[in-house]
Amino acid sequence: MPHASRHRSPGVARRPRPALRLRVPARPVSLGHVRARLDRFLARHRLDEDERRDALLVVHELAANAIEHGSAESDEVEIAIALGPRSLLIRIGDPARSRARPARLTPSPTRESGRGMLIVDRLSSWREELRGGRRELTAELPLRRRRP
């Protein structure tokens, strides 16, 4: 039976999405390195200040949760960022060392922490999956203007 294949016209190559991939030690000190690398990546791709701020906040919160709740100090956290024409796709992977799952907590004046996922939820759409014993959190942050 003949095999159908898909061919692109010569000279019409699909441009890959600009991406940033990081593997960092699962320690809070790594968060500053992640923010600095991400800020340079986003600035290089001309995201405006508000978009960069929102992306930095979402990535920081997700990476901090992966470090605090899903990892041991000897682990690594994986971070992958892909810039699309209308959104920023964020993936954070951790070893899922605890049963704790990301959750939006109701704000409370007596709680010292727990507002991070509420912020992430307001800025992006997100989901959590367990794959091969690892937790992967994926968030999609909409961008206000279309990119080429």
N, C-alpha and C. Protein backbone atom coordinates (compact mmCIF):
# COMPACT_ATOMS: atom_id res chain seq x y z
N MET A 1 0.84 -1.17 0.00
CA MET A 1 0.00 0.00 0.00
C MET A 1 0.89 1.24 0.00
N PRO A 2 0.59 2.23 -0.83
CA PRO A 2 1.41 3.43 -0.89
C PRO A 2 1.39 4.17 0.44
N HIS A 3 2.48 4.81 0.74
CA HIS A 3 2.64 5.55 1.98
C HIS A 3 2.57 7.03 1.66
N ALA A 4 1.64 7.71 2.28
CA ALA A 4 1.51 9.15 2.07
C ALA A 4 2.45 9.87 3.01
N SER A 5 3.16 10.84 2.53
CA SER A 5 4.03 11.63 3.40
C SER A 5 3.76 13.10 3.18
N ARG A 6 4.08 13.86 4.14
CA ARG A 6 3.87 15.30 4.08
C ARG A 6 5.20 15.97 3.77
N HIS A 7 5.23 16.76 2.74
CA HIS A 7 6.46 17.47 2.36
C HIS A 7 6.21 18.96 2.40
N ARG A 8 7.20 19.67 2.78
CA ARG A 8 7.14 21.14 2.75
C ARG A 8 7.72 21.61 1.44
N SER A 9 7.23 22.73 1.00
CA SER A 9 7.80 23.34 -0.20
C SER A 9 9.23 23.76 0.09
N PRO A 10 10.11 23.63 -0.90
CA PRO A 10 11.49 24.07 -0.68
C PRO A 10 11.52 25.53 -0.25
N GLY A 11 12.36 25.82 0.72
CA GLY A 11 12.52 27.20 1.18
C GLY A 11 11.48 27.64 2.19
N VAL A 12 10.49 26.80 2.50
CA VAL A 12 9.47 27.16 3.47
C VAL A 12 9.67 26.29 4.70
N ALA A 13 10.53 26.74 5.54
CA ALA A 13 10.81 26.00 6.77
C ALA A 13 10.02 26.61 7.92
N ARG A 14 9.51 25.75 8.78
CA ARG A 14 8.80 26.24 9.95
C ARG A 14 9.83 26.69 10.98
N ARG A 15 9.67 27.92 11.45
CA ARG A 15 10.60 28.45 12.44
C ARG A 15 10.33 27.83 13.79
N PRO A 16 11.37 27.35 14.46
CA PRO A 16 11.15 26.80 15.79
C PRO A 16 10.80 27.92 16.76
N ARG A 17 10.04 27.57 17.78
CA ARG A 17 9.71 28.54 18.81
C ARG A 17 10.96 28.84 19.62
N PRO A 18 11.19 30.11 19.91
CA PRO A 18 12.30 30.40 20.83
C PRO A 18 12.05 29.71 22.16
N ALA A 19 13.09 29.09 22.70
CA ALA A 19 12.91 28.31 23.93
C ALA A 19 14.08 28.51 24.87
N LEU A 20 13.80 28.30 26.14
CA LEU A 20 14.80 28.34 27.20
C LEU A 20 14.61 27.08 28.03
N ARG A 21 15.68 26.35 28.25
CA ARG A 21 15.63 25.13 29.07
C ARG A 21 16.68 25.23 30.16
N LEU A 22 16.25 24.96 31.40
CA LEU A 22 17.15 25.02 32.55
C LEU A 22 16.96 23.79 33.42
N ARG A 23 18.04 23.33 34.00
CA ARG A 23 18.02 22.32 35.07
C ARG A 23 18.78 22.95 36.21
N VAL A 24 18.11 23.10 37.34
CA VAL A 24 18.74 23.77 38.48
C VAL A 24 18.64 22.90 39.72
N PRO A 25 19.59 23.06 40.64
CA PRO A 25 19.49 22.35 41.91
C PRO A 25 18.20 22.74 42.64
N ALA A 26 17.59 21.79 43.30
CA ALA A 26 16.33 22.03 44.01
C ALA A 26 16.60 22.71 45.34
N ARG A 27 17.11 23.94 45.23
CA ARG A 27 17.40 24.75 46.41
C ARG A 27 16.88 26.16 46.16
N PRO A 28 16.36 26.82 47.18
CA PRO A 28 15.81 28.17 46.99
C PRO A 28 16.79 29.15 46.35
N VAL A 29 18.08 28.99 46.59
CA VAL A 29 19.06 29.89 46.00
C VAL A 29 19.04 29.84 44.46
N SER A 30 18.53 28.77 43.89
CA SER A 30 18.45 28.63 42.43
C SER A 30 17.43 29.58 41.81
N LEU A 31 16.47 30.05 42.59
CA LEU A 31 15.40 30.87 42.04
C LEU A 31 15.92 32.19 41.46
N GLY A 32 16.92 32.78 42.07
CA GLY A 32 17.50 34.02 41.53
C GLY A 32 18.13 33.78 40.17
N HIS A 33 18.83 32.68 40.00
CA HIS A 33 19.44 32.31 38.72
C HIS A 33 18.35 32.11 37.65
N VAL A 34 17.27 31.43 38.02
CA VAL A 34 16.17 31.19 37.09
C VAL A 34 15.56 32.51 36.65
N ARG A 35 15.28 33.41 37.59
CA ARG A 35 14.68 34.71 37.25
C ARG A 35 15.60 35.51 36.33
N ALA A 36 16.89 35.52 36.62
CA ALA A 36 17.84 36.29 35.80
C ALA A 36 17.90 35.75 34.37
N ARG A 37 18.01 34.44 34.22
CA ARG A 37 18.07 33.83 32.88
C ARG A 37 16.78 34.07 32.11
N LEU A 38 15.64 33.91 32.80
CA LEU A 38 14.36 34.11 32.15
C LEU A 38 14.17 35.57 31.74
N ASP A 39 14.55 36.50 32.59
CA ASP A 39 14.40 37.92 32.26
C ASP A 39 15.22 38.28 31.03
N ARG A 40 16.46 37.78 30.93
CA ARG A 40 17.29 38.04 29.74
C ARG A 40 16.65 37.43 28.49
N PHE A 41 16.14 36.21 28.60
CA PHE A 41 15.48 35.55 27.48
C PHE A 41 14.27 36.36 27.00
N LEU A 42 13.42 36.78 27.93
CA LEU A 42 12.22 37.52 27.57
C LEU A 42 12.55 38.90 26.99
N ALA A 43 13.55 39.56 27.54
CA ALA A 43 13.96 40.87 27.01
C ALA A 43 14.52 40.72 25.60
N ARG A 44 15.31 39.68 25.38
CA ARG A 44 15.89 39.43 24.06
C ARG A 44 14.79 39.22 23.01
N HIS A 45 13.66 38.67 23.44
CA HIS A 45 12.55 38.42 22.51
C HIS A 45 11.48 39.49 22.59
N ARG A 46 11.85 40.62 23.18
CA ARG A 46 11.07 41.86 23.17
C ARG A 46 9.69 41.78 23.81
N LEU A 47 9.58 41.01 24.88
CA LEU A 47 8.34 41.08 25.65
C LEU A 47 8.37 42.38 26.44
N ASP A 48 7.22 43.01 26.57
CA ASP A 48 7.22 44.28 27.29
C ASP A 48 7.35 44.03 28.80
N GLU A 49 7.52 45.11 29.53
CA GLU A 49 7.81 45.01 30.96
C GLU A 49 6.70 44.28 31.74
N ASP A 50 5.43 44.56 31.41
CA ASP A 50 4.32 43.89 32.11
C ASP A 50 4.31 42.38 31.82
N GLU A 51 4.54 42.01 30.57
CA GLU A 51 4.57 40.58 30.22
C GLU A 51 5.74 39.88 30.91
N ARG A 52 6.88 40.54 30.94
CA ARG A 52 8.04 39.95 31.62
C ARG A 52 7.77 39.78 33.11
N ARG A 53 7.18 40.79 33.72
CA ARG A 53 6.88 40.72 35.16
C ARG A 53 5.94 39.55 35.46
N ASP A 54 4.87 39.41 34.66
CA ASP A 54 3.92 38.32 34.87
C ASP A 54 4.59 36.96 34.67
N ALA A 55 5.40 36.84 33.63
CA ALA A 55 6.09 35.56 33.37
C ALA A 55 7.07 35.23 34.48
N LEU A 56 7.82 36.22 34.94
CA LEU A 56 8.76 35.99 36.04
C LEU A 56 8.04 35.55 37.30
N LEU A 57 6.90 36.15 37.58
CA LEU A 57 6.13 35.80 38.77
C LEU A 57 5.60 34.36 38.68
N VAL A 58 5.04 33.99 37.54
CA VAL A 58 4.50 32.63 37.37
C VAL A 58 5.62 31.60 37.47
N VAL A 59 6.72 31.81 36.75
CA VAL A 59 7.83 30.85 36.79
C VAL A 59 8.41 30.76 38.20
N HIS A 60 8.59 31.89 38.85
CA HIS A 60 9.13 31.87 40.21
C HIS A 60 8.24 31.05 41.14
N GLU A 61 6.94 31.29 41.10
CA GLU A 61 6.01 30.58 42.00
C GLU A 61 6.01 29.08 41.72
N LEU A 62 5.97 28.71 40.44
CA LEU A 62 5.94 27.28 40.11
C LEU A 62 7.26 26.60 40.47
N ALA A 63 8.38 27.26 40.20
CA ALA A 63 9.68 26.67 40.54
C ALA A 63 9.85 26.59 42.06
N ALA A 64 9.42 27.61 42.77
CA ALA A 64 9.52 27.60 44.24
C ALA A 64 8.69 26.45 44.82
N ASN A 65 7.50 26.23 44.28
CA ASN A 65 6.68 25.10 44.74
C ASN A 65 7.36 23.77 44.44
N ALA A 66 7.93 23.64 43.26
CA ALA A 66 8.62 22.40 42.89
C ALA A 66 9.79 22.13 43.83
N ILE A 67 10.51 23.19 44.19
CA ILE A 67 11.65 23.04 45.10
C ILE A 67 11.17 22.71 46.51
N GLU A 68 10.19 23.46 47.01
CA GLU A 68 9.76 23.30 48.40
C GLU A 68 8.94 22.03 48.63
N HIS A 69 8.03 21.73 47.71
CA HIS A 69 7.08 20.64 47.96
C HIS A 69 7.35 19.36 47.18
N GLY A 70 8.09 19.43 46.07
CA GLY A 70 8.23 18.25 45.23
C GLY A 70 9.62 17.67 45.16
N SER A 71 10.58 18.27 45.85
CA SER A 71 11.97 17.88 45.68
C SER A 71 12.70 17.75 47.01
N ALA A 72 13.80 17.04 46.95
CA ALA A 72 14.77 17.01 48.04
C ALA A 72 15.95 17.88 47.60
N GLU A 73 16.76 18.31 48.53
CA GLU A 73 17.87 19.21 48.21
C GLU A 73 18.85 18.64 47.20
N SER A 74 18.94 17.32 47.11
CA SER A 74 19.87 16.70 46.17
C SER A 74 19.28 16.54 44.77
N ASP A 75 18.02 16.94 44.56
CA ASP A 75 17.35 16.81 43.26
C ASP A 75 17.61 18.01 42.37
N GLU A 76 17.12 17.88 41.14
CA GLU A 76 17.11 19.00 40.20
C GLU A 76 15.67 19.25 39.76
N VAL A 77 15.41 20.50 39.43
CA VAL A 77 14.12 20.91 38.89
C VAL A 77 14.37 21.31 37.44
N GLU A 78 13.49 20.86 36.57
CA GLU A 78 13.61 21.18 35.14
C GLU A 78 12.61 22.27 34.79
N ILE A 79 13.09 23.24 34.01
CA ILE A 79 12.25 24.36 33.60
C ILE A 79 12.40 24.52 32.10
N ALA A 80 11.26 24.55 31.40
CA ALA A 80 11.27 24.75 29.95
C ALA A 80 10.27 25.85 29.62
N ILE A 81 10.72 26.80 28.83
CA ILE A 81 9.90 27.94 28.43
C ILE A 81 9.90 27.97 26.91
N ALA A 82 8.71 28.06 26.31
CA ALA A 82 8.60 28.19 24.85
C ALA A 82 7.74 29.40 24.54
N LEU A 83 8.25 30.26 23.68
CA LEU A 83 7.57 31.49 23.31
C LEU A 83 6.81 31.26 22.01
N GLY A 84 5.50 31.34 22.08
CA GLY A 84 4.66 31.20 20.89
C GLY A 84 4.19 32.56 20.42
N PRO A 85 3.41 32.59 19.35
CA PRO A 85 2.96 33.88 18.81
C PRO A 85 2.02 34.63 19.75
N ARG A 86 1.26 33.89 20.57
CA ARG A 86 0.28 34.55 21.44
C ARG A 86 0.36 34.12 22.89
N SER A 87 1.32 33.27 23.22
CA SER A 87 1.42 32.82 24.60
C SER A 87 2.83 32.35 24.93
N LEU A 88 3.07 32.25 26.21
CA LEU A 88 4.32 31.71 26.74
C LEU A 88 3.95 30.41 27.42
N LEU A 89 4.56 29.31 26.99
CA LEU A 89 4.30 28.00 27.57
C LEU A 89 5.40 27.69 28.56
N ILE A 90 5.01 27.38 29.78
CA ILE A 90 5.94 27.16 30.89
C ILE A 90 5.76 25.73 31.38
N ARG A 91 6.85 24.97 31.49
CA ARG A 91 6.79 23.62 32.05
C ARG A 91 7.82 23.51 33.16
N ILE A 92 7.37 23.04 34.30
CA ILE A 92 8.24 22.84 35.45
C ILE A 92 8.13 21.38 35.86
N GLY A 93 9.26 20.69 35.97
CA GLY A 93 9.25 19.29 36.37
C GLY A 93 10.02 19.07 37.66
N ASP A 94 9.43 18.24 38.54
CA ASP A 94 10.11 17.89 39.79
C ASP A 94 9.90 16.40 40.05
N PRO A 95 10.64 15.82 41.00
CA PRO A 95 10.55 14.39 41.27
C PRO A 95 9.30 13.94 42.04
N ALA A 96 8.40 14.83 42.36
CA ALA A 96 7.15 14.49 43.05
C ALA A 96 7.42 13.70 44.33
N ARG A 97 8.31 14.23 45.17
CA ARG A 97 8.68 13.53 46.40
C ARG A 97 7.61 13.57 47.49
N SER A 98 6.61 14.42 47.34
CA SER A 98 5.53 14.43 48.34
C SER A 98 4.20 14.28 47.60
N ARG A 99 3.17 14.00 48.37
CA ARG A 99 1.84 13.87 47.78
C ARG A 99 1.16 15.23 47.63
N ALA A 100 1.78 16.26 48.14
CA ALA A 100 1.21 17.60 48.05
C ALA A 100 1.03 17.98 46.59
N ARG A 101 -0.13 18.52 46.29
CA ARG A 101 -0.42 18.95 44.92
C ARG A 101 -0.62 20.46 44.92
N PRO A 102 -0.28 21.11 43.82
CA PRO A 102 -0.51 22.55 43.75
C PRO A 102 -2.00 22.86 43.95
N ALA A 103 -2.28 23.89 44.73
CA ALA A 103 -3.68 24.24 45.00
C ALA A 103 -3.80 25.74 45.21
N ARG A 104 -4.93 26.27 44.77
CA ARG A 104 -5.26 27.67 45.02
C ARG A 104 -5.88 27.75 46.41
N LEU A 105 -5.23 28.45 47.29
CA LEU A 105 -5.75 28.58 48.65
C LEU A 105 -6.47 29.92 48.80
N THR A 106 -7.52 29.91 49.57
CA THR A 106 -8.24 31.15 49.83
C THR A 106 -7.35 32.07 50.65
N PRO A 107 -7.23 33.33 50.25
CA PRO A 107 -6.40 34.26 51.02
C PRO A 107 -6.87 34.35 52.47
N SER A 108 -5.92 34.43 53.37
CA SER A 108 -6.23 34.53 54.78
C SER A 108 -5.18 35.43 55.44
N PRO A 109 -5.62 36.35 56.30
CA PRO A 109 -4.65 37.22 56.97
C PRO A 109 -3.78 36.46 57.97
N THR A 110 -4.17 35.25 58.35
CA THR A 110 -3.38 34.49 59.32
C THR A 110 -2.39 33.53 58.68
N ARG A 111 -2.51 33.28 57.38
CA ARG A 111 -1.62 32.36 56.68
C ARG A 111 -0.40 33.12 56.16
N GLU A 112 0.79 32.61 56.46
CA GLU A 112 2.02 33.28 56.02
C GLU A 112 2.37 32.99 54.57
N SER A 113 1.87 31.90 54.02
CA SER A 113 2.18 31.56 52.63
C SER A 113 0.94 30.94 52.00
N GLY A 114 1.08 30.49 50.75
CA GLY A 114 -0.02 29.81 50.10
C GLY A 114 -0.79 30.63 49.08
N ARG A 115 -0.29 31.80 48.76
CA ARG A 115 -0.98 32.64 47.79
C ARG A 115 -0.45 32.47 46.37
N GLY A 116 0.66 31.76 46.23
CA GLY A 116 1.33 31.64 44.93
C GLY A 116 0.48 31.07 43.83
N MET A 117 -0.23 29.96 44.09
CA MET A 117 -1.03 29.35 43.04
C MET A 117 -2.26 30.18 42.71
N LEU A 118 -2.73 30.98 43.65
CA LEU A 118 -3.82 31.90 43.36
C LEU A 118 -3.35 32.94 42.34
N ILE A 119 -2.15 33.43 42.51
CA ILE A 119 -1.56 34.38 41.56
C ILE A 119 -1.35 33.71 40.21
N VAL A 120 -0.77 32.50 40.21
CA VAL A 120 -0.55 31.74 38.96
C VAL A 120 -1.88 31.54 38.24
N ASP A 121 -2.92 31.20 38.99
CA ASP A 121 -4.24 30.96 38.41
C ASP A 121 -4.82 32.21 37.77
N ARG A 122 -4.56 33.35 38.35
CA ARG A 122 -5.09 34.60 37.77
C ARG A 122 -4.35 35.04 36.52
N LEU A 123 -3.08 34.66 36.42
CA LEU A 123 -2.27 35.09 35.28
C LEU A 123 -2.21 34.08 34.14
N SER A 124 -2.52 32.81 34.42
CA SER A 124 -2.33 31.78 33.40
C SER A 124 -3.37 30.68 33.55
N SER A 125 -3.41 29.82 32.55
CA SER A 125 -4.15 28.56 32.71
C SER A 125 -3.09 27.50 32.95
N TRP A 126 -3.36 26.55 33.85
CA TRP A 126 -2.33 25.57 34.20
C TRP A 126 -2.95 24.22 34.50
N ARG A 127 -2.08 23.21 34.44
CA ARG A 127 -2.49 21.85 34.77
C ARG A 127 -1.29 21.10 35.33
N GLU A 128 -1.59 20.05 36.05
CA GLU A 128 -0.55 19.21 36.65
C GLU A 128 -0.72 17.79 36.15
N GLU A 129 0.40 17.12 35.87
CA GLU A 129 0.37 15.72 35.46
C GLU A 129 1.51 14.99 36.17
N LEU A 130 1.26 13.73 36.48
CA LEU A 130 2.33 12.86 36.97
C LEU A 130 2.72 11.96 35.81
N ARG A 131 4.03 11.96 35.48
CA ARG A 131 4.54 11.16 34.36
C ARG A 131 5.79 10.43 34.82
N GLY A 132 5.74 9.12 34.79
CA GLY A 132 6.92 8.34 35.15
C GLY A 132 7.48 8.69 36.51
N GLY A 133 6.62 8.93 37.48
CA GLY A 133 7.07 9.26 38.82
C GLY A 133 7.49 10.70 39.01
N ARG A 134 7.37 11.53 37.98
CA ARG A 134 7.71 12.96 38.08
C ARG A 134 6.45 13.78 37.93
N ARG A 135 6.44 14.93 38.57
CA ARG A 135 5.34 15.88 38.44
C ARG A 135 5.74 16.90 37.38
N GLU A 136 4.82 17.18 36.48
CA GLU A 136 5.03 18.23 35.49
C GLU A 136 3.88 19.21 35.58
N LEU A 137 4.21 20.44 35.82
CA LEU A 137 3.22 21.50 35.86
C LEU A 137 3.39 22.32 34.59
N THR A 138 2.32 22.51 33.85
CA THR A 138 2.35 23.28 32.62
C THR A 138 1.42 24.48 32.78
N ALA A 139 1.95 25.65 32.48
CA ALA A 139 1.14 26.88 32.53
C ALA A 139 1.26 27.59 31.20
N GLU A 140 0.17 28.16 30.77
CA GLU A 140 0.18 28.96 29.55
C GLU A 140 -0.22 30.38 29.91
N LEU A 141 0.69 31.29 29.62
CA LEU A 141 0.51 32.70 29.95
C LEU A 141 0.18 33.44 28.66
N PRO A 142 -1.02 34.02 28.54
CA PRO A 142 -1.35 34.73 27.31
C PRO A 142 -0.50 35.99 27.16
N LEU A 143 -0.17 36.30 25.91
CA LEU A 143 0.57 37.53 25.60
C LEU A 143 -0.40 38.50 24.94
N ARG A 144 -0.20 39.76 25.18
CA ARG A 144 -1.15 40.76 24.70
C ARG A 144 -1.03 41.08 23.22
N ARG A 145 0.13 40.87 22.66
CA ARG A 145 0.25 41.18 21.24
C ARG A 145 0.81 39.99 20.49
N ARG A 146 0.44 39.91 19.24
CA ARG A 146 0.86 38.79 18.40
C ARG A 146 2.33 38.94 18.03
N ARG A 147 3.05 37.84 18.06
CA ARG A 147 4.46 37.83 17.69
C ARG A 147 4.63 37.16 16.34
N PRO A 148 5.62 37.59 15.57
CA PRO A 148 5.85 36.95 14.26
C PRO A 148 6.33 35.53 14.40
